[in-house]
PDB file of N, CA and C in Angstrom:
ATOM      1  N   UNK A   1       0.020  14.548 -30.154  1.00  0.00           N
ATOM      2  CA  UNK A   1       0.462  13.537 -28.918  1.00  0.00           C
ATOM      3  C   UNK A   1       1.291  13.618 -28.220  1.00  0.00           C
ATOM      4  N   UNK A   2       1.118  13.708 -26.876  1.00  0.00           N
ATOM      5  CA  UNK A   2       2.482  13.813 -25.805  1.00  0.00           C
ATOM      6  C   UNK A   2       2.174  12.764 -25.695  1.00  0.00           C
ATOM      7  N   UNK A   3       3.940  12.103 -25.404  1.00  0.00           N
ATOM      8  CA  UNK A   3       4.692  10.807 -24.608  1.00  0.00           C
ATOM      9  C   UNK A   3       4.938  10.810 -23.132  1.00  0.00           C
ATOM     10  N   UNK A   4       4.424  10.414 -22.317  1.00  0.00           N
ATOM     11  CA  UNK A   4       3.296  10.585 -20.964  1.00  0.00           C
ATOM     12  C   UNK A   4       4.263   9.159 -20.368  1.00  0.00           C
ATOM     13  N   UNK A   5       5.501   8.225 -21.285  1.00  0.00           N
ATOM     14  CA  UNK A   5       6.101   7.095 -20.476  1.00  0.00           C
ATOM     15  C   UNK A   5       7.098   6.842 -19.651  1.00  0.00           C
ATOM     16  N   UNK A   6       7.304   8.469 -20.168  1.00  0.00           N
ATOM     17  CA  UNK A   6       8.413   9.022 -19.115  1.00  0.00           C
ATOM     18  C   UNK A   6       8.143   9.663 -17.386  1.00  0.00           C
ATOM     19  N   UNK A   7       6.915   9.909 -17.496  1.00  0.00           N
ATOM     20  CA  UNK A   7       6.087  10.315 -16.012  1.00  0.00           C
ATOM     21  C   UNK A   7       6.315   9.681 -15.237  1.00  0.00           C
ATOM     22  N   UNK A   8       7.313  10.051 -13.674  1.00  0.00           N
ATOM     23  CA  UNK A   8       7.455   9.475 -12.412  1.00  0.00           C
ATOM     24  C   UNK A   8       6.287   9.273 -12.049  1.00  0.00           C
ATOM     25  N   UNK A   9       5.107   8.354 -11.112  1.00  0.00           N
ATOM     26  CA  UNK A   9       4.204   8.084 -10.013  1.00  0.00           C
ATOM     27  C   UNK A   9       5.241   8.706  -9.232  1.00  0.00           C
ATOM     28  N   UNK A  10       4.871   9.630  -7.970  1.00  0.00           N
ATOM     29  CA  UNK A  10       5.404  10.555  -6.528  1.00  0.00           C
ATOM     30  C   UNK A  10       4.771  10.210  -5.634  1.00  0.00           C
ATOM     31  N   UNK A  11       5.131   9.314  -4.863  1.00  0.00           N
ATOM     32  CA  UNK A  11       3.978   9.157  -3.330  1.00  0.00           C
ATOM     33  C   UNK A  11       4.582   9.885  -1.941  1.00  0.00           C
ATOM     34  N   UNK A  12       3.847   9.517  -1.034  1.00  0.00           N
ATOM     35  CA  UNK A  12       3.822   9.831   0.032  1.00  0.00           C
ATOM     36  C   UNK A  12       3.414   9.635   0.977  1.00  0.00           C
ATOM     37  N   UNK A  13       4.917   9.330   2.060  1.00  0.00           N
ATOM     38  CA  UNK A  13       4.309   8.232   2.725  1.00  0.00           C
ATOM     39  C   UNK A  13       4.561   8.855   3.995  1.00  0.00           C
ATOM     40  N   UNK A  14       3.746   8.805   5.181  1.00  0.00           N
ATOM     41  CA  UNK A  14       3.772   8.950   6.763  1.00  0.00           C
ATOM     42  C   UNK A  14       4.549   7.713   7.366  1.00  0.00           C
ATOM     43  N   UNK A  15       5.788   7.896   7.902  1.00  0.00           N
ATOM     44  CA  UNK A  15       6.131   7.119   8.989  1.00  0.00           C
ATOM     45  C   UNK A  15       5.704   6.999  10.151  1.00  0.00           C
ATOM     46  N   UNK A  16       5.360   6.005  11.447  1.00  0.00           N
ATOM     47  CA  UNK A  16       4.401   5.755  11.426  1.00  0.00           C
ATOM     48  C   UNK A  16       6.217   4.751  12.289  1.00  0.00           C
ATOM     49  N   UNK A  17       6.285   5.040  13.601  1.00  0.00           N
ATOM     50  CA  UNK A  17       7.598   4.230  14.624  1.00  0.00           C
ATOM     51  C   UNK A  17       7.283   5.034  15.480  1.00  0.00           C
ATOM     52  N   UNK A  18       7.211   3.313  16.137  1.00  0.00           N
ATOM     53  CA  UNK A  18       6.282   3.048  18.424  1.00  0.00           C
ATOM     54  C   UNK A  18       7.621   2.662  18.741  1.00  0.00           C
ATOM     55  N   UNK A  19       7.928   2.819  20.031  1.00  0.00           N
ATOM     56  CA  UNK A  19       8.243   2.411  21.183  1.00  0.00           C
ATOM     57  C   UNK A  19       8.267   0.451  20.881  1.00  0.00           C
ATOM     58  N   UNK A  20       9.556  -0.053  21.644  1.00  0.00           N
ATOM     59  CA  UNK A  20       9.443  -1.526  21.684  1.00  0.00           C
ATOM     60  C   UNK A  20       9.577  -1.494  22.981  1.00  0.00           C
ATOM     61  N   UNK A  21       8.518  -2.730  23.609  1.00  0.00           N
ATOM     62  CA  UNK A  21       8.700  -2.964  25.455  1.00  0.00           C
ATOM     63  C   UNK A  21       9.940  -2.924  25.759  1.00  0.00           C
ATOM     64  N   UNK A  22      10.803  -3.049  25.340  1.00  0.00           N
ATOM     65  CA  UNK A  22      11.574  -3.306  25.697  1.00  0.00           C
ATOM     66  C   UNK A  22      12.569  -2.298  26.545  1.00  0.00           C
ATOM     67  N   UNK A  23      12.542  -1.756  25.571  1.00  0.00           N
ATOM     68  CA  UNK A  23      12.922  -0.461  25.797  1.00  0.00           C
ATOM     69  C   UNK A  23      13.508   0.610  27.374  1.00  0.00           C
ATOM     70  N   UNK A  24      11.608   0.898  27.874  1.00  0.00           N
ATOM     71  CA  UNK A  24      12.140   0.867  29.621  1.00  0.00           C
ATOM     72  C   UNK A  24      12.210   2.526  28.906  1.00  0.00           C
ATOM     73  N   UNK A  25      12.123   3.844  29.397  1.00  0.00           N
ATOM     74  CA  UNK A  25      11.995   4.635  29.691  1.00  0.00           C
ATOM     75  C   UNK A  25      13.502   5.821  29.517  1.00  0.00           C
ATOM     76  N   UNK A  26      14.350   5.386  28.116  1.00  0.00           N
ATOM     77  CA  UNK A  26      15.535   6.007  27.894  1.00  0.00           C
ATOM     78  C   UNK A  26      14.620   7.389  27.151  1.00  0.00           C
ATOM     79  N   UNK A  27      15.506   8.456  26.937  1.00  0.00           N
ATOM     80  CA  UNK A  27      15.653   9.132  26.426  1.00  0.00           C
ATOM     81  C   UNK A  27      14.643   9.456  25.243  1.00  0.00           C
ATOM     82  N   UNK A  28      15.277   8.276  24.498  1.00  0.00           N
ATOM     83  CA  UNK A  28      15.019   7.955  23.175  1.00  0.00           C
ATOM     84  C   UNK A  28      14.754   6.341  22.535  1.00  0.00           C
ATOM     85  N   UNK A  29      13.883   5.850  22.674  1.00  0.00           N
ATOM     86  CA  UNK A  29      14.265   4.582  22.908  1.00  0.00           C
ATOM     87  C   UNK A  29      15.677   3.524  21.556  1.00  0.00           C
ATOM     88  N   UNK A  30      16.078   2.596  22.007  1.00  0.00           N
ATOM     89  CA  UNK A  30      17.143   1.977  21.020  1.00  0.00           C
ATOM     90  C   UNK A  30      15.621   1.597  19.705  1.00  0.00           C
ATOM     91  N   UNK A  31      14.745   1.512  20.064  1.00  0.00           N
ATOM     92  CA  UNK A  31      13.982   0.864  19.144  1.00  0.00           C
ATOM     93  C   UNK A  31      13.540   1.696  17.897  1.00  0.00           C
ATOM     94  N   UNK A  32      12.985   3.307  18.367  1.00  0.00           N
ATOM     95  CA  UNK A  32      13.113   4.298  17.632  1.00  0.00           C
ATOM     96  C   UNK A  32      14.181   5.157  16.807  1.00  0.00           C
ATOM     97  N   UNK A  33      15.637   4.901  17.398  1.00  0.00           N
ATOM     98  CA  UNK A  33      15.934   5.148  16.549  1.00  0.00           C
ATOM     99  C   UNK A  33      16.804   4.146  15.707  1.00  0.00           C
ATOM    100  N   UNK A  34      16.190   2.661  16.064  1.00  0.00           N
ATOM    101  CA  UNK A  34      16.678   1.365  14.718  1.00  0.00           C
ATOM    102  C   UNK A  34      15.364   1.558  13.941  1.00  0.00           C
ATOM    103  N   UNK A  35      14.499   2.406  13.973  1.00  0.00           N
ATOM    104  CA  UNK A  35      13.163   2.102  13.207  1.00  0.00           C
ATOM    105  C   UNK A  35      13.592   3.195  12.073  1.00  0.00           C
ATOM    106  N   UNK A  36      14.080   4.109  12.951  1.00  0.00           N
ATOM    107  CA  UNK A  36      13.635   5.192  12.187  1.00  0.00           C
ATOM    108  C   UNK A  36      15.715   5.057  11.323  1.00  0.00           C
ATOM    109  N   UNK A  37      16.929   4.220  11.709  1.00  0.00           N
ATOM    110  CA  UNK A  37      17.415   4.941  10.503  1.00  0.00           C
ATOM    111  C   UNK A  37      17.186   3.256   9.334  1.00  0.00           C
ATOM    112  N   UNK A  38      16.746   2.099  10.245  1.00  0.00           N
ATOM    113  CA  UNK A  38      16.053   1.521   8.949  1.00  0.00           C
ATOM    114  C   UNK A  38      14.815   1.712   7.721  1.00  0.00           C
ATOM    115  N   UNK A  39      13.985   3.027   7.607  1.00  0.00           N
ATOM    116  CA  UNK A  39      13.154   3.162   7.159  1.00  0.00           C
ATOM    117  C   UNK A  39      13.841   3.669   6.374  1.00  0.00           C
ATOM    118  N   UNK A  40      14.500   5.089   6.757  1.00  0.00           N
ATOM    119  CA  UNK A  40      15.673   5.600   5.240  1.00  0.00           C
ATOM    120  C   UNK A  40      16.247   5.275   4.888  1.00  0.00           C
ATOM    121  N   UNK A  41      16.834   3.939   5.832  1.00  0.00           N
ATOM    122  CA  UNK A  41      17.931   3.030   4.519  1.00  0.00           C
ATOM    123  C   UNK A  41      17.167   2.719   3.995  1.00  0.00           C
ATOM    124  N   UNK A  42      15.947   1.787   3.491  1.00  0.00           N
ATOM    125  CA  UNK A  42      14.687   1.883   2.338  1.00  0.00           C
ATOM    126  C   UNK A  42      14.933   2.589   1.705  1.00  0.00           C
ATOM    127  N   UNK A  43      14.508   3.593   2.201  1.00  0.00           N
ATOM    128  CA  UNK A  43      13.993   4.347   1.146  1.00  0.00           C
ATOM    129  C   UNK A  43      15.447   5.231   0.517  1.00  0.00           C
ATOM    130  N   UNK A  44      16.430   5.099   0.940  1.00  0.00           N
ATOM    131  CA  UNK A  44      17.772   5.768   0.119  1.00  0.00           C
ATOM    132  C   UNK A  44      17.577   5.621  -1.198  1.00  0.00           C
ATOM    133  N   UNK A  45      17.342   5.040  -1.614  1.00  0.00           N
ATOM    134  CA  UNK A  45      17.280   5.158  -3.693  1.00  0.00           C
ATOM    135  C   UNK A  45      15.787   4.930  -3.716  1.00  0.00           C
ATOM    136  N   UNK A  46      15.046   5.022  -3.106  1.00  0.00           N
ATOM    137  CA  UNK A  46      13.872   4.458  -3.258  1.00  0.00           C
ATOM    138  C   UNK A  46      12.633   6.521  -4.404  1.00  0.00           C
ATOM    139  N   UNK A  47      13.989   7.098  -4.875  1.00  0.00           N
ATOM    140  CA  UNK A  47      13.340   7.915  -5.660  1.00  0.00           C
ATOM    141  C   UNK A  47      11.779   8.901  -5.687  1.00  0.00           C
ATOM    142  N   UNK A  48      10.935   7.848  -5.606  1.00  0.00           N
ATOM    143  CA  UNK A  48       9.637   7.848  -6.351  1.00  0.00           C
ATOM    144  C   UNK A  48       8.897   7.910  -4.274  1.00  0.00           C
ATOM    145  N   UNK A  49       9.105   8.163  -3.302  1.00  0.00           N
ATOM    146  CA  UNK A  49       8.610   8.094  -2.441  1.00  0.00           C
ATOM    147  C   UNK A  49       9.105   9.235  -1.964  1.00  0.00           C
ATOM    148  N   UNK A  50       8.697  10.075  -1.345  1.00  0.00           N
ATOM    149  CA  UNK A  50       8.803  11.945  -0.361  1.00  0.00           C
ATOM    150  C   UNK A  50       8.268  10.851   1.027  1.00  0.00           C
ATOM    151  N   UNK A  51       8.905  10.571   2.369  1.00  0.00           N
ATOM    152  CA  UNK A  51       8.594  11.451   3.729  1.00  0.00           C
ATOM    153  C   UNK A  51       8.067  13.054   3.913  1.00  0.00           C
ATOM    154  N   UNK A  52       6.271  12.194   4.210  1.00  0.00           N
ATOM    155  CA  UNK A  52       5.341  13.947   4.335  1.00  0.00           C
ATOM    156  C   UNK A  52       5.776  14.611   6.147  1.00  0.00           C
ATOM    157  N   UNK A  53       5.435  13.392   6.793  1.00  0.00           N
ATOM    158  CA  UNK A  53       5.562  13.375   8.479  1.00  0.00           C
ATOM    159  C   UNK A  53       6.265  12.025   8.451  1.00  0.00           C
ATOM    160  N   UNK A  54       6.584  12.211  10.058  1.00  0.00           N
ATOM    161  CA  UNK A  54       7.301  11.239  10.256  1.00  0.00           C
ATOM    162  C   UNK A  54       6.500  11.581  11.947  1.00  0.00           C
ATOM    163  N   UNK A  55       5.360  10.156  12.235  1.00  0.00           N
ATOM    164  CA  UNK A  55       4.880  10.451  13.277  1.00  0.00           C
ATOM    165  C   UNK A  55       5.248   9.292  14.498  1.00  0.00           C
ATOM    166  N   UNK A  56       5.991  10.040  16.287  1.00  0.00           N
ATOM    167  CA  UNK A  56       6.833   8.603  16.482  1.00  0.00           C
ATOM    168  C   UNK A  56       5.916   8.805  17.991  1.00  0.00           C
ATOM    169  N   UNK A  57       5.383   7.407  18.925  1.00  0.00           N
ATOM    170  CA  UNK A  57       4.692   6.861  19.676  1.00  0.00           C
ATOM    171  C   UNK A  57       6.114   6.106  20.763  1.00  0.00           C
ATOM    172  N   UNK A  58       7.331   7.742  20.830  1.00  0.00           N
ATOM    173  CA  UNK A  58       8.155   6.983  22.158  1.00  0.00           C
ATOM    174  C   UNK A  58       7.170   7.301  23.040  1.00  0.00           C
ATOM    175  N   UNK A  59       7.442   6.181  24.530  1.00  0.00           N
ATOM    176  CA  UNK A  59       6.882   6.255  25.290  1.00  0.00           C
ATOM    177  C   UNK A  59       4.992   4.986  25.991  1.00  0.00           C
ATOM    178  N   UNK A  60       4.861   4.612  23.825  1.00  0.00           N
ATOM    179  CA  UNK A  60       3.596   4.355  24.155  1.00  0.00           C
ATOM    180  C   UNK A  60       3.803   2.697  23.276  1.00  0.00           C
ATOM    181  N   UNK A  61       2.990   1.696  24.376  1.00  0.00           N
ATOM    182  CA  UNK A  61       3.521   0.512  23.673  1.00  0.00           C
ATOM    183  C   UNK A  61       2.101  -0.146  22.799  1.00  0.00           C
ATOM    184  N   UNK A  62       2.395  -0.782  21.771  1.00  0.00           N
ATOM    185  CA  UNK A  62       1.594  -0.944  20.327  1.00  0.00           C
ATOM    186  C   UNK A  62       0.972  -2.271  21.707  1.00  0.00           C
ATOM    187  N   UNK A  63       1.758  -3.036  22.868  1.00  0.00           N
ATOM    188  CA  UNK A  63       0.469  -3.941  23.406  1.00  0.00           C
ATOM    189  C   UNK A  63      -0.835  -3.539  24.055  1.00  0.00           C
ATOM    190  N   UNK A  64      -1.476  -2.094  24.626  1.00  0.00           N
ATOM    191  CA  UNK A  64      -2.403  -1.659  25.035  1.00  0.00           C
ATOM    192  C   UNK A  64      -3.132  -0.525  23.977  1.00  0.00           C
ATOM    193  N   UNK A  65      -4.180  -0.739  23.711  1.00  0.00           N
ATOM    194  CA  UNK A  65      -4.781   0.575  22.810  1.00  0.00           C
ATOM    195  C   UNK A  65      -5.348   1.043  23.781  1.00  0.00           C
ATOM    196  N   UNK A  66      -5.250   1.646  24.524  1.00  0.00           N
ATOM    197  CA  UNK A  66      -6.465   2.416  26.104  1.00  0.00           C
ATOM    198  C   UNK A  66      -6.574   4.308  24.842  1.00  0.00           C
ATOM    199  N   UNK A  67      -5.547   4.106  23.884  1.00  0.00           N
ATOM    200  CA  UNK A  67      -5.667   5.911  23.089  1.00  0.00           C
ATOM    201  C   UNK A  67      -5.421   5.530  21.773  1.00  0.00           C
ATOM    202  N   UNK A  68      -6.329   5.905  21.598  1.00  0.00           N
ATOM    203  CA  UNK A  68      -6.419   6.081  19.834  1.00  0.00           C
ATOM    204  C   UNK A  68      -5.652   7.521  19.099  1.00  0.00           C
ATOM    205  N   UNK A  69      -4.608   7.526  18.101  1.00  0.00           N
ATOM    206  CA  UNK A  69      -4.263   8.737  18.041  1.00  0.00           C
ATOM    207  C   UNK A  69      -4.104   8.474  16.314  1.00  0.00           C
TER     208      UNK A  69
END
């Protein structure tokens, strides 16, 4: 019988990064850049999490949900 205790589970994650209302109309908001940096910094030592896709709503605020993507 095989020993499966050393098998690590691997998770795939989608990153969802959203514009902050305070950033206005910059090319890429500080909020987007800061969130991306924080997320990747958090994931740096998480060997069991792989980034599958990065979704960015730069230009849409979470204040109003007129359109759902």
